[in-house]
């Protein structure tokens, strides 16, 4: 009975101990399938897991060691100020699949499968329209299987959220989306109030994530500086586009900060974004707009 080499697949007619094509030991135990990843998470002291939810794991490189002499000082102080490379690691064994922002994948391992998520020409047209009005990519690749997916490195902050904590309906700013489980549906919602679209600097349309599952947002502001505001049939007014995400059932309008135009002018606040109803807001109070001239001066 013919045998086949487990290494090169050559057909062997005789009773050989070694393959006549590649020389492999035919009696050696077969190596189990799988991918072994060395010098990565759990084996590298420079890589720390800073957050983990569901299939998502955020890793951070404490120091960027790939530096030239001219970059040493810059990258040293950058790491001290929490400017560090970060990546999202997805364990596909813990989920039925994920959506990922187009172009975000750096590498994947194991029996991971990639698809475009485009079902038809009509489906492509809908997704193209959504991408046009929200500044998101048209195609969000879908990954499933038993392996890992690792995203490109970024200096932005990767924020993991459970949609159960956000009423299973979260509206986000353009450019925040990075990844979500396939159990989460992505849609586009138009502002019901025209004043909010014209004057709030938030745009006419926003991406909405609804359903059950975990998501990852890519934010310029770290989670430590974000404030969560919970409303119970109440109102919150915010001066400027500092709300980066909010439960989509909240009503957003733009109103004068005072009852009259004169009052608004005197107060110096003018128009503010007003959120009404019951829900939650994720707000970034430190938006990077503070200038050095605004710093308090020394008494000396």
Protein backbone atom coordinates (compact mmCIF):
# COMPACT_ATOMS: atom_id res chain seq x y z
CA UNK A 1 0.00 0.00 0.00
CA UNK A 2 1.41 3.39 -1.02
CA UNK A 3 2.32 5.92 1.65
CA UNK A 4 2.62 9.66 1.42
CA UNK A 5 5.26 11.85 3.04
CA UNK A 6 3.73 14.03 5.74
CA UNK A 7 6.27 16.76 4.97
CA UNK A 8 6.30 17.13 1.17
CA UNK A 9 3.36 14.92 0.17
CA UNK A 10 5.43 12.68 -2.13
CA UNK A 11 3.92 9.28 -2.93
CA UNK A 12 6.13 6.41 -1.67
CA UNK A 13 5.61 2.93 -3.13
CA UNK A 14 8.08 1.06 -0.90
CA UNK A 15 8.43 0.57 2.85
CA UNK A 16 10.84 3.41 3.49
CA UNK A 17 11.95 4.95 6.77
CA UNK A 18 12.90 8.24 5.12
CA UNK A 19 11.23 10.10 2.27
CA UNK A 20 13.07 9.61 -1.04
CA UNK A 21 12.16 13.17 -2.07
CA UNK A 22 12.84 15.38 0.95
CA UNK A 23 14.57 13.00 3.37
CA UNK A 24 12.07 13.45 6.23
CA UNK A 25 11.78 10.75 8.88
CA UNK A 26 8.53 8.98 8.05
CA UNK A 27 8.25 7.46 11.52
CA UNK A 28 8.53 10.78 13.36
CA UNK A 29 5.32 11.91 15.08
CA UNK A 30 3.41 14.49 13.08
CA UNK A 31 3.53 18.04 14.38
CA UNK A 32 0.16 19.32 15.61
CA UNK A 33 -1.49 22.08 13.63
CA UNK A 34 -1.27 25.54 15.06
CA UNK A 35 0.71 28.77 15.12
CA UNK A 36 3.21 29.56 17.85
CA UNK A 37 3.82 33.29 18.38
CA UNK A 38 7.00 34.16 20.22
CA UNK A 39 8.15 37.41 21.88
CA UNK A 40 4.63 38.82 21.90
CA UNK A 41 1.93 39.21 24.56
CA UNK A 42 2.87 37.35 27.75
CA UNK A 43 6.50 36.87 26.72
CA UNK A 44 7.63 40.46 26.14
CA UNK A 45 8.06 42.75 29.17
CA UNK A 46 7.73 45.79 26.90
CA UNK A 47 4.18 44.82 25.86
CA UNK A 48 1.40 45.31 28.41
CA UNK A 49 -2.29 44.42 28.20
CA UNK A 50 -4.09 47.60 29.29
CA UNK A 51 -7.69 46.53 28.67
CA UNK A 52 -9.64 43.41 27.71
CA UNK A 53 -13.31 42.86 26.92
CA UNK A 54 -14.86 39.93 25.07
CA UNK A 55 -12.68 38.99 22.08
CA UNK A 56 -10.78 42.31 22.19
CA UNK A 57 -7.49 42.98 23.94
CA UNK A 58 -5.66 46.33 23.86
CA UNK A 59 -1.88 46.10 24.09
CA UNK A 60 0.57 48.94 24.62
CA UNK A 61 4.31 49.15 24.04
CA UNK A 62 5.74 50.85 27.13
CA UNK A 63 8.71 52.13 25.13
CA UNK A 64 9.17 52.56 21.41
CA UNK A 65 12.58 50.88 21.08
CA UNK A 66 12.82 51.24 17.29
CA UNK A 67 14.57 54.60 17.42
CA UNK A 68 17.43 56.34 15.70
CA UNK A 69 19.84 58.61 17.64
CA UNK A 70 18.02 61.70 16.41
CA UNK A 71 14.67 60.40 17.78
CA UNK A 72 15.79 59.27 21.24
CA UNK A 73 14.86 62.41 23.17
CA UNK A 74 11.52 62.86 21.41
CA UNK A 75 10.38 59.27 21.93
CA UNK A 76 11.65 59.14 25.52
CA UNK A 77 9.52 62.09 26.59
CA UNK A 78 6.65 60.88 24.39
CA UNK A 79 6.46 57.62 26.36
CA UNK A 80 6.55 59.56 29.64
CA UNK A 81 3.50 61.54 28.48
CA UNK A 82 1.54 58.39 27.53
CA UNK A 83 2.25 58.74 23.81
CA UNK A 84 2.90 55.07 23.07
CA UNK A 85 2.22 52.63 20.22
CA UNK A 86 -0.95 50.56 20.74
CA UNK A 87 -2.58 47.66 18.95
CA UNK A 88 -5.87 45.80 19.10
CA UNK A 89 -5.60 42.00 19.37
CA UNK A 90 -8.74 40.04 18.45
CA UNK A 91 -9.21 36.42 19.56
CA UNK A 92 -11.66 35.08 16.96
CA UNK A 93 -12.27 31.97 19.08
CA UNK A 94 -14.30 34.11 21.47
CA UNK A 95 -16.73 35.51 18.90
CA UNK A 96 -18.67 34.58 15.78
CA UNK A 97 -16.77 37.26 13.89
CA UNK A 98 -15.91 40.96 13.82
CA UNK A 99 -16.09 44.03 11.61
CA UNK A 100 -12.86 45.99 11.23
CA UNK A 101 -12.20 49.42 9.78
CA UNK A 102 -10.80 49.00 6.27
CA UNK A 103 -6.99 48.97 6.16
CA UNK A 104 -6.63 48.49 9.93
CA UNK A 105 -5.42 44.86 9.85
CA UNK A 106 -1.65 44.37 10.25
CA UNK A 107 -1.52 40.56 10.39
CA UNK A 108 -3.61 37.53 11.25
CA UNK A 109 -2.91 33.93 12.22
CA UNK A 110 -4.58 30.54 12.24
CA UNK A 111 -7.66 29.64 10.26
CA UNK A 112 -8.93 33.19 10.05
CA UNK A 113 -11.29 34.01 7.20
CA UNK A 114 -11.71 37.41 5.57
CA UNK A 115 -14.72 38.60 3.62
CA UNK A 116 -15.82 42.00 2.35
CA UNK A 117 -19.28 41.90 3.89
CA UNK A 118 -20.73 43.05 0.54
CA UNK A 119 -23.77 40.91 -0.30
CA UNK A 120 -24.83 42.51 -3.59
CA UNK A 121 -24.51 45.56 -5.82
CA UNK A 122 -27.41 47.15 -3.97
CA UNK A 123 -25.73 46.44 -0.64
CA UNK A 124 -22.54 48.08 -1.91
CA UNK A 125 -24.56 51.13 -2.96
CA UNK A 126 -26.08 51.45 0.52
CA UNK A 127 -22.71 51.15 2.21
CA UNK A 128 -21.16 53.64 -0.21
CA UNK A 129 -23.89 56.15 0.63
CA UNK A 130 -23.34 55.60 4.35
CA UNK A 131 -19.60 56.13 3.98
CA UNK A 132 -20.15 59.34 2.00
CA UNK A 133 -22.27 60.97 4.68
CA UNK A 134 -20.27 59.78 7.72
CA UNK A 135 -16.67 59.92 6.42
CA UNK A 136 -16.25 56.22 7.25
CA UNK A 137 -14.85 53.63 4.82
CA UNK A 138 -17.33 51.99 2.43
CA UNK A 139 -16.19 48.41 3.08
CA UNK A 140 -15.58 47.16 6.60
CA UNK A 141 -13.92 43.73 6.25
CA UNK A 142 -15.38 40.85 8.26
CA UNK A 143 -13.10 38.35 10.01
CA UNK A 144 -14.08 34.99 11.48
CA UNK A 145 -12.41 31.68 12.34
CA UNK A 146 -10.16 30.30 15.06
CA UNK A 147 -7.12 32.56 14.84
CA UNK A 148 -6.05 36.04 15.80
CA UNK A 149 -6.32 39.41 14.07
CA UNK A 150 -3.91 42.20 15.05
CA UNK A 151 -4.40 45.78 13.92
CA UNK A 152 -1.87 48.35 12.77
CA UNK A 153 -0.06 50.29 15.48
CA UNK A 154 -1.51 53.64 16.45
CA UNK A 155 -0.67 56.40 18.90
CA UNK A 156 -4.39 56.99 19.46
CA UNK A 157 -6.21 55.48 22.43
CA UNK A 158 -8.23 52.28 21.93
CA UNK A 159 -11.41 52.28 24.02
CA UNK A 160 -13.38 49.07 24.57
CA UNK A 161 -17.10 49.34 25.35
CA UNK A 162 -19.91 46.87 26.01
CA UNK A 163 -23.07 48.04 24.22
CA UNK A 164 -25.13 46.64 27.10
CA UNK A 165 -23.77 49.54 29.16
CA UNK A 166 -25.01 52.03 26.54
CA UNK A 167 -28.58 50.92 26.07
CA UNK A 168 -27.53 48.79 23.07
CA UNK A 169 -27.68 51.91 20.90
CA UNK A 170 -24.64 54.18 20.63
CA UNK A 171 -24.12 57.10 18.26
CA UNK A 172 -20.46 58.00 17.64
CA UNK A 173 -18.47 60.80 16.04
CA UNK A 174 -16.97 60.31 12.58
CA UNK A 175 -13.65 58.46 12.55
CA UNK A 176 -14.07 56.82 15.97
CA UNK A 177 -15.03 53.34 14.77
CA UNK A 178 -12.29 50.69 14.72
CA UNK A 179 -13.91 47.30 15.38
CA UNK A 180 -17.09 45.59 16.55
CA UNK A 181 -18.45 42.08 16.93
CA UNK A 182 -20.69 40.90 14.10
CA UNK A 183 -23.59 40.72 16.55
CA UNK A 184 -23.48 44.54 16.48
CA UNK A 185 -25.28 46.25 13.61
CA UNK A 186 -23.86 49.37 11.97
CA UNK A 187 -26.23 51.96 10.57
CA UNK A 188 -26.45 55.66 9.80
CA UNK A 189 -28.85 57.99 11.56
CA UNK A 190 -29.86 61.40 10.25
CA UNK A 191 -30.39 64.24 12.67
CA UNK A 192 -34.07 64.79 13.33
CA UNK A 193 -33.42 68.37 14.36
CA UNK A 194 -31.92 70.57 11.63
CA UNK A 195 -30.54 73.08 14.14
CA UNK A 196 -28.28 70.41 15.62
CA UNK A 197 -26.92 69.55 12.19
CA UNK A 198 -26.25 73.14 11.09
CA UNK A 199 -24.90 74.62 14.30
CA UNK A 200 -23.54 71.81 16.45
CA UNK A 201 -20.45 70.98 14.34
CA UNK A 202 -21.53 67.35 14.63
CA UNK A 203 -22.77 66.92 11.03
CA UNK A 204 -26.04 65.79 9.47
CA UNK A 205 -25.39 62.05 9.89
CA UNK A 206 -23.67 59.83 12.44
CA UNK A 207 -22.69 56.17 12.67
CA UNK A 208 -24.91 54.22 15.08
CA UNK A 209 -23.91 50.91 16.69
CA UNK A 210 -26.85 48.90 17.98
CA UNK A 211 -27.39 45.40 19.30
CA UNK A 212 -25.38 43.30 21.74
CA UNK A 213 -21.63 42.89 21.75
CA UNK A 214 -18.31 44.63 22.29
CA UNK A 215 -16.88 47.48 20.24
CA UNK A 216 -13.56 49.30 19.97
CA UNK A 217 -13.29 53.04 19.40
CA UNK A 218 -10.11 54.81 18.29
CA UNK A 219 -9.93 58.10 20.17
CA UNK A 220 -7.47 60.96 20.37
CA UNK A 221 -8.51 61.37 24.02
CA UNK A 222 -7.60 58.63 26.57
CA UNK A 223 -10.30 56.90 28.59
CA UNK A 224 -8.91 58.44 31.80
CA UNK A 225 -9.87 61.90 30.53
CA UNK A 226 -13.34 60.98 29.27
CA UNK A 227 -16.37 61.78 31.41
CA UNK A 228 -19.52 59.65 31.40
CA UNK A 229 -22.69 61.68 31.99
CA UNK A 230 -25.89 59.78 32.82
CA UNK A 231 -29.23 61.51 32.21
CA UNK A 232 -32.54 60.39 33.71
CA UNK A 233 -35.21 62.44 31.96
CA UNK A 234 -32.99 65.51 32.29
CA UNK A 235 -30.93 67.98 30.26
CA UNK A 236 -27.21 68.62 29.72
CA UNK A 237 -25.78 71.61 27.84
CA UNK A 238 -22.27 71.42 26.37
CA UNK A 239 -20.42 74.37 24.84
CA UNK A 240 -18.81 72.86 21.71
CA UNK A 241 -18.49 69.41 20.10
CA UNK A 242 -16.99 67.71 23.15
CA UNK A 243 -19.46 64.81 23.24
CA UNK A 244 -17.81 62.07 21.18
CA UNK A 245 -20.50 59.40 21.71
CA UNK A 246 -23.98 59.22 23.20
CA UNK A 247 -26.98 56.90 23.35
CA UNK A 248 -28.90 57.56 20.16
CA UNK A 249 -32.28 57.98 21.88
CA UNK A 250 -31.15 61.33 23.34
CA UNK A 251 -32.51 64.40 21.57
CA UNK A 252 -29.79 66.83 20.45
CA UNK A 253 -30.59 70.47 19.72
CA UNK A 254 -28.58 73.68 19.54
CA UNK A 255 -29.90 76.52 21.67
CA UNK A 256 -28.91 79.88 23.08
CA UNK A 257 -27.22 79.63 26.47
CA UNK A 258 -29.49 82.39 27.79
CA UNK A 259 -33.15 83.08 27.09
CA UNK A 260 -32.39 86.11 24.91
CA UNK A 261 -29.81 87.03 22.31
CA UNK A 262 -28.61 89.84 24.58
CA UNK A 263 -28.20 87.44 27.48
CA UNK A 264 -26.22 85.02 25.33
CA UNK A 265 -23.98 87.81 24.08
CA UNK A 266 -23.34 89.15 27.59
CA UNK A 267 -22.60 85.68 29.00
CA UNK A 268 -20.03 85.03 26.26
CA UNK A 269 -21.34 81.50 25.69
CA UNK A 270 -23.62 81.96 22.67
CA UNK A 271 -24.95 78.64 21.32
CA UNK A 272 -24.62 75.35 23.18
CA UNK A 273 -25.41 71.71 22.36
CA UNK A 274 -28.34 70.54 24.45
CA UNK A 275 -29.00 66.82 25.12
CA UNK A 276 -32.40 65.81 26.50
CA UNK A 277 -33.93 62.56 27.66
CA UNK A 278 -32.68 59.43 29.37
CA UNK A 279 -29.32 58.01 28.36
CA UNK A 280 -25.57 58.49 28.58
CA UNK A 281 -22.95 60.79 27.05
CA UNK A 282 -19.23 60.16 26.61
CA UNK A 283 -17.57 63.57 26.80
CA UNK A 284 -13.99 64.71 26.22
CA UNK A 285 -13.46 67.84 28.34
CA UNK A 286 -9.81 68.18 27.29
CA UNK A 287 -9.97 68.61 23.53
CA UNK A 288 -6.48 70.03 22.99
CA UNK A 289 -7.76 73.58 22.43
CA UNK A 290 -6.04 74.99 25.51
CA UNK A 291 -3.26 77.37 24.42
CA UNK A 292 -0.10 78.31 26.31
CA UNK A 293 -1.39 81.84 26.64
CA UNK A 294 -4.27 80.44 28.70
CA UNK A 295 -1.90 78.99 31.30
CA UNK A 296 -1.84 80.79 34.64
CA UNK A 297 1.06 83.19 35.01
CA UNK A 298 3.51 83.03 37.88
CA UNK A 299 3.19 85.59 40.66
CA UNK A 300 6.94 86.21 40.50
